[in-house]
Amino acid sequence: MRRVGRPGLVGTMARTAVVAGTAGAVHHRQQRRWAEKDQEAYEAAASRESQAEPAAPPPQAAAPAAPAADITGELQKLAELKASGVLTDEEFAAAKAKLLAG
């Protein structure tokens, strides 16, 4: 006698095994393809890097700081501006501190 309707326990287990095996195989294939693409991209980047021109030489050292005479001259200018009333005491103090700090 043949069974009609839902499959039995063995049939369900067999179908589940086939579906799970197929899904696992597809997943492993995708992982392998992604790994191959990543490896190709890495090799291409390494190839471009090796063919690139050498880095530019390091920049020259910066020019030496302005001599102290410039600071003295600037302080004299600030004092003249304060004496003529252009700068307030607070503005003069702030500009003086900035000059001496910088």
N, C-alpha and C. Protein backbone atom coordinates (compact mmCIF):
# COMPACT_ATOMS: atom_id res chain seq x y z
N MET A 1 0.81 -1.15 0.00
CA MET A 1 0.00 0.00 0.00
C MET A 1 0.89 1.26 0.00
N ARG A 2 0.53 2.23 -0.79
CA ARG A 2 1.31 3.46 -0.92
C ARG A 2 0.69 4.57 -0.07
N ARG A 3 1.54 5.33 0.54
CA ARG A 3 1.11 6.40 1.42
C ARG A 3 0.82 7.67 0.62
N VAL A 4 -0.24 8.36 0.90
CA VAL A 4 -0.60 9.57 0.21
C VAL A 4 -0.63 10.71 1.25
N GLY A 5 -0.17 11.91 0.84
CA GLY A 5 -0.20 13.04 1.75
C GLY A 5 1.21 13.47 2.15
N ARG A 6 1.37 13.76 3.41
CA ARG A 6 2.67 14.24 3.89
C ARG A 6 3.70 13.11 3.88
N PRO A 7 4.98 13.50 3.66
CA PRO A 7 6.01 12.47 3.70
C PRO A 7 6.25 12.01 5.13
N GLY A 8 6.80 10.84 5.25
CA GLY A 8 7.06 10.30 6.57
C GLY A 8 8.30 10.94 7.18
N LEU A 9 8.69 10.42 8.32
CA LEU A 9 9.82 10.96 9.06
C LEU A 9 11.11 10.83 8.25
N VAL A 10 11.33 9.71 7.62
CA VAL A 10 12.56 9.51 6.84
C VAL A 10 12.59 10.44 5.63
N GLY A 11 11.46 10.61 4.98
CA GLY A 11 11.40 11.52 3.84
C GLY A 11 11.67 12.96 4.24
N THR A 12 11.13 13.38 5.36
CA THR A 12 11.37 14.74 5.85
C THR A 12 12.83 14.94 6.20
N MET A 13 13.42 13.94 6.84
CA MET A 13 14.84 14.04 7.21
C MET A 13 15.73 14.07 5.96
N ALA A 14 15.38 13.30 4.96
CA ALA A 14 16.16 13.28 3.73
C ALA A 14 16.08 14.63 3.02
N ARG A 15 14.89 15.18 2.95
CA ARG A 15 14.72 16.48 2.31
C ARG A 15 15.49 17.56 3.07
N THR A 16 15.43 17.55 4.39
CA THR A 16 16.16 18.52 5.21
C THR A 16 17.66 18.39 4.98
N ALA A 17 18.17 17.19 4.89
CA ALA A 17 19.59 16.97 4.66
C ALA A 17 20.02 17.51 3.30
N VAL A 18 19.21 17.31 2.30
CA VAL A 18 19.54 17.81 0.96
C VAL A 18 19.56 19.34 0.96
N VAL A 19 18.55 19.97 1.56
CA VAL A 19 18.48 21.42 1.60
C VAL A 19 19.66 21.99 2.38
N ALA A 20 19.96 21.40 3.54
CA ALA A 20 21.07 21.89 4.36
C ALA A 20 22.41 21.69 3.64
N GLY A 21 22.58 20.57 2.98
CA GLY A 21 23.82 20.32 2.25
C GLY A 21 24.00 21.29 1.10
N THR A 22 22.93 21.59 0.39
CA THR A 22 22.99 22.53 -0.72
C THR A 22 23.31 23.94 -0.21
N ALA A 23 22.65 24.34 0.87
CA ALA A 23 22.91 25.66 1.43
C ALA A 23 24.36 25.77 1.91
N GLY A 24 24.87 24.74 2.54
CA GLY A 24 26.27 24.76 3.00
C GLY A 24 27.24 24.85 1.84
N ALA A 25 26.96 24.11 0.77
CA ALA A 25 27.84 24.14 -0.39
C ALA A 25 27.84 25.52 -1.05
N VAL A 26 26.67 26.13 -1.16
CA VAL A 26 26.57 27.46 -1.74
C VAL A 26 27.31 28.47 -0.88
N HIS A 27 27.14 28.36 0.42
CA HIS A 27 27.81 29.29 1.34
C HIS A 27 29.33 29.16 1.22
N HIS A 28 29.83 27.95 1.21
CA HIS A 28 31.28 27.75 1.10
C HIS A 28 31.82 28.27 -0.23
N ARG A 29 31.04 28.10 -1.30
CA ARG A 29 31.48 28.60 -2.59
C ARG A 29 31.55 30.13 -2.59
N GLN A 30 30.55 30.77 -2.00
CA GLN A 30 30.56 32.23 -1.91
C GLN A 30 31.75 32.72 -1.09
N GLN A 31 32.00 32.06 0.03
CA GLN A 31 33.13 32.45 0.86
C GLN A 31 34.44 32.34 0.09
N ARG A 32 34.60 31.26 -0.68
CA ARG A 32 35.82 31.05 -1.46
C ARG A 32 35.95 32.13 -2.54
N ARG A 33 34.83 32.48 -3.21
CA ARG A 33 34.88 33.52 -4.24
C ARG A 33 35.26 34.87 -3.64
N TRP A 34 34.68 35.21 -2.48
CA TRP A 34 35.00 36.47 -1.83
C TRP A 34 36.47 36.51 -1.43
N ALA A 35 36.98 35.39 -0.93
CA ALA A 35 38.39 35.33 -0.54
C ALA A 35 39.29 35.52 -1.76
N GLU A 36 38.91 34.91 -2.89
CA GLU A 36 39.70 35.06 -4.11
C GLU A 36 39.68 36.52 -4.59
N LYS A 37 38.51 37.16 -4.54
CA LYS A 37 38.42 38.56 -4.96
C LYS A 37 39.26 39.45 -4.05
N ASP A 38 39.20 39.19 -2.75
CA ASP A 38 40.00 39.97 -1.81
C ASP A 38 41.49 39.79 -2.09
N GLN A 39 41.89 38.56 -2.38
CA GLN A 39 43.30 38.29 -2.67
C GLN A 39 43.73 39.00 -3.96
N GLU A 40 42.88 38.99 -4.97
CA GLU A 40 43.20 39.68 -6.23
C GLU A 40 43.32 41.18 -6.00
N ALA A 41 42.41 41.74 -5.21
CA ALA A 41 42.47 43.18 -4.93
C ALA A 41 43.74 43.53 -4.16
N TYR A 42 44.12 42.68 -3.22
CA TYR A 42 45.34 42.91 -2.44
C TYR A 42 46.57 42.86 -3.35
N GLU A 43 46.62 41.87 -4.23
CA GLU A 43 47.76 41.74 -5.14
C GLU A 43 47.82 42.92 -6.11
N ALA A 44 46.66 43.37 -6.59
CA ALA A 44 46.64 44.52 -7.51
C ALA A 44 47.14 45.78 -6.80
N ALA A 45 46.71 45.98 -5.57
CA ALA A 45 47.16 47.16 -4.81
C ALA A 45 48.66 47.09 -4.55
N ALA A 46 49.15 45.90 -4.22
CA ALA A 46 50.58 45.74 -3.97
C ALA A 46 51.37 45.98 -5.25
N SER A 47 50.83 45.55 -6.37
CA SER A 47 51.49 45.77 -7.65
C SER A 47 51.55 47.26 -7.99
N ARG A 48 50.42 47.96 -7.78
CA ARG A 48 50.41 49.41 -8.05
C ARG A 48 51.38 50.13 -7.13
N GLU A 49 51.46 49.71 -5.88
CA GLU A 49 52.36 50.35 -4.93
C GLU A 49 53.82 50.17 -5.34
N SER A 50 54.15 48.98 -5.81
CA SER A 50 55.54 48.72 -6.18
C SER A 50 55.92 49.47 -7.46
N GLN A 51 54.94 49.77 -8.31
CA GLN A 51 55.23 50.48 -9.55
C GLN A 51 55.15 51.99 -9.38
N ALA A 52 54.64 52.45 -8.26
CA ALA A 52 54.49 53.89 -8.02
C ALA A 52 55.85 54.55 -7.91
N GLU A 53 55.87 55.83 -8.20
CA GLU A 53 57.11 56.59 -8.09
C GLU A 53 57.53 56.66 -6.64
N PRO A 54 58.82 56.77 -6.38
CA PRO A 54 59.26 56.87 -4.99
C PRO A 54 58.71 58.15 -4.35
N ALA A 55 58.59 58.11 -3.06
CA ALA A 55 58.04 59.25 -2.33
C ALA A 55 58.92 60.47 -2.51
N ALA A 56 58.30 61.62 -2.42
CA ALA A 56 59.03 62.88 -2.55
C ALA A 56 60.01 63.02 -1.39
N PRO A 57 61.11 63.71 -1.60
CA PRO A 57 62.06 63.88 -0.50
C PRO A 57 61.43 64.69 0.63
N PRO A 58 61.91 64.50 1.84
CA PRO A 58 61.31 65.24 2.95
C PRO A 58 61.50 66.74 2.76
N PRO A 59 60.56 67.55 3.23
CA PRO A 59 60.66 69.00 3.04
C PRO A 59 61.87 69.56 3.79
N GLN A 60 62.33 70.69 3.29
CA GLN A 60 63.46 71.36 3.92
C GLN A 60 63.04 71.87 5.29
N ALA A 61 64.03 72.07 6.15
CA ALA A 61 63.75 72.59 7.49
C ALA A 61 63.16 73.99 7.37
N ALA A 62 62.28 74.33 8.26
CA ALA A 62 61.62 75.64 8.24
C ALA A 62 62.65 76.73 8.50
N ALA A 63 62.35 77.91 8.03
CA ALA A 63 63.25 79.04 8.22
C ALA A 63 63.35 79.34 9.72
N PRO A 64 64.48 79.81 10.18
CA PRO A 64 64.62 80.10 11.61
C PRO A 64 63.65 81.19 12.05
N ALA A 65 63.33 81.20 13.31
CA ALA A 65 62.39 82.17 13.85
C ALA A 65 62.93 83.58 13.70
N ALA A 66 62.02 84.53 13.67
CA ALA A 66 62.43 85.93 13.51
C ALA A 66 63.30 86.35 14.69
N PRO A 67 64.28 87.17 14.47
CA PRO A 67 65.16 87.58 15.55
C PRO A 67 64.43 88.43 16.58
N ALA A 68 65.06 88.57 17.74
CA ALA A 68 64.45 89.30 18.85
C ALA A 68 64.25 90.77 18.52
N ALA A 69 65.04 91.32 17.60
CA ALA A 69 64.90 92.73 17.22
C ALA A 69 63.51 93.01 16.66
N ASP A 70 62.93 92.03 15.94
CA ASP A 70 61.59 92.23 15.39
C ASP A 70 60.57 92.34 16.51
N ILE A 71 60.74 91.53 17.56
CA ILE A 71 59.80 91.58 18.67
C ILE A 71 59.89 92.95 19.36
N THR A 72 61.12 93.43 19.51
CA THR A 72 61.30 94.74 20.14
C THR A 72 60.63 95.83 19.33
N GLY A 73 60.81 95.77 18.02
CA GLY A 73 60.18 96.75 17.13
C GLY A 73 58.67 96.69 17.22
N GLU A 74 58.13 95.47 17.26
CA GLU A 74 56.68 95.31 17.35
C GLU A 74 56.16 95.86 18.68
N LEU A 75 56.91 95.60 19.77
CA LEU A 75 56.50 96.13 21.07
C LEU A 75 56.50 97.66 21.07
N GLN A 76 57.49 98.25 20.40
CA GLN A 76 57.55 99.71 20.30
C GLN A 76 56.36 100.26 19.53
N LYS A 77 55.98 99.56 18.45
CA LYS A 77 54.81 100.00 17.67
C LYS A 77 53.55 99.92 18.51
N LEU A 78 53.42 98.81 19.28
CA LEU A 78 52.25 98.67 20.14
C LEU A 78 52.21 99.78 21.19
N ALA A 79 53.39 100.10 21.75
CA ALA A 79 53.44 101.17 22.76
C ALA A 79 53.03 102.51 22.15
N GLU A 80 53.45 102.78 20.93
CA GLU A 80 53.07 104.03 20.26
C GLU A 80 51.56 104.07 20.02
N LEU A 81 50.98 102.92 19.61
CA LEU A 81 49.53 102.86 19.37
C LEU A 81 48.77 103.09 20.68
N LYS A 82 49.30 102.53 21.77
CA LYS A 82 48.65 102.73 23.07
C LYS A 82 48.76 104.20 23.49
N ALA A 83 49.95 104.78 23.29
CA ALA A 83 50.16 106.17 23.69
C ALA A 83 49.28 107.12 22.89
N SER A 84 49.02 106.78 21.62
CA SER A 84 48.19 107.67 20.79
C SER A 84 46.70 107.44 21.04
N GLY A 85 46.36 106.42 21.83
CA GLY A 85 44.96 106.19 22.18
C GLY A 85 44.25 105.21 21.26
N VAL A 86 44.95 104.61 20.32
CA VAL A 86 44.32 103.66 19.41
C VAL A 86 44.02 102.35 20.14
N LEU A 87 44.94 101.94 21.03
CA LEU A 87 44.76 100.70 21.79
C LEU A 87 44.44 101.01 23.24
N THR A 88 43.53 100.21 23.82
CA THR A 88 43.25 100.33 25.25
C THR A 88 44.30 99.55 26.02
N ASP A 89 44.30 99.69 27.34
CA ASP A 89 45.26 98.94 28.17
C ASP A 89 45.08 97.43 27.99
N GLU A 90 43.82 96.97 27.92
CA GLU A 90 43.55 95.54 27.76
C GLU A 90 44.03 95.03 26.40
N GLU A 91 43.76 95.80 25.35
CA GLU A 91 44.20 95.39 24.01
C GLU A 91 45.72 95.36 23.94
N PHE A 92 46.38 96.35 24.56
CA PHE A 92 47.83 96.39 24.56
C PHE A 92 48.40 95.17 25.29
N ALA A 93 47.83 94.85 26.45
CA ALA A 93 48.30 93.70 27.22
C ALA A 93 48.11 92.40 26.45
N ALA A 94 46.97 92.24 25.77
CA ALA A 94 46.70 91.02 25.00
C ALA A 94 47.67 90.90 23.83
N ALA A 95 47.90 92.01 23.11
CA ALA A 95 48.80 91.97 21.96
C ALA A 95 50.24 91.71 22.41
N LYS A 96 50.63 92.30 23.55
CA LYS A 96 51.97 92.10 24.10
C LYS A 96 52.17 90.64 24.49
N ALA A 97 51.17 90.06 25.16
CA ALA A 97 51.26 88.66 25.57
C ALA A 97 51.36 87.75 24.35
N LYS A 98 50.59 88.07 23.33
CA LYS A 98 50.62 87.26 22.09
C LYS A 98 51.99 87.34 21.44
N LEU A 99 52.57 88.51 21.39
CA LEU A 99 53.90 88.67 20.79
C LEU A 99 54.96 87.89 21.57
N LEU A 100 54.91 87.99 22.87
CA LEU A 100 55.91 87.34 23.71
C LEU A 100 55.74 85.82 23.72
N ALA A 101 54.53 85.34 23.56
CA ALA A 101 54.27 83.89 23.56
C ALA A 101 54.64 83.28 22.21
N GLY A 102 54.43 84.02 21.14
CA GLY A 102 54.58 83.47 19.80
C GLY A 102 55.96 83.53 19.33
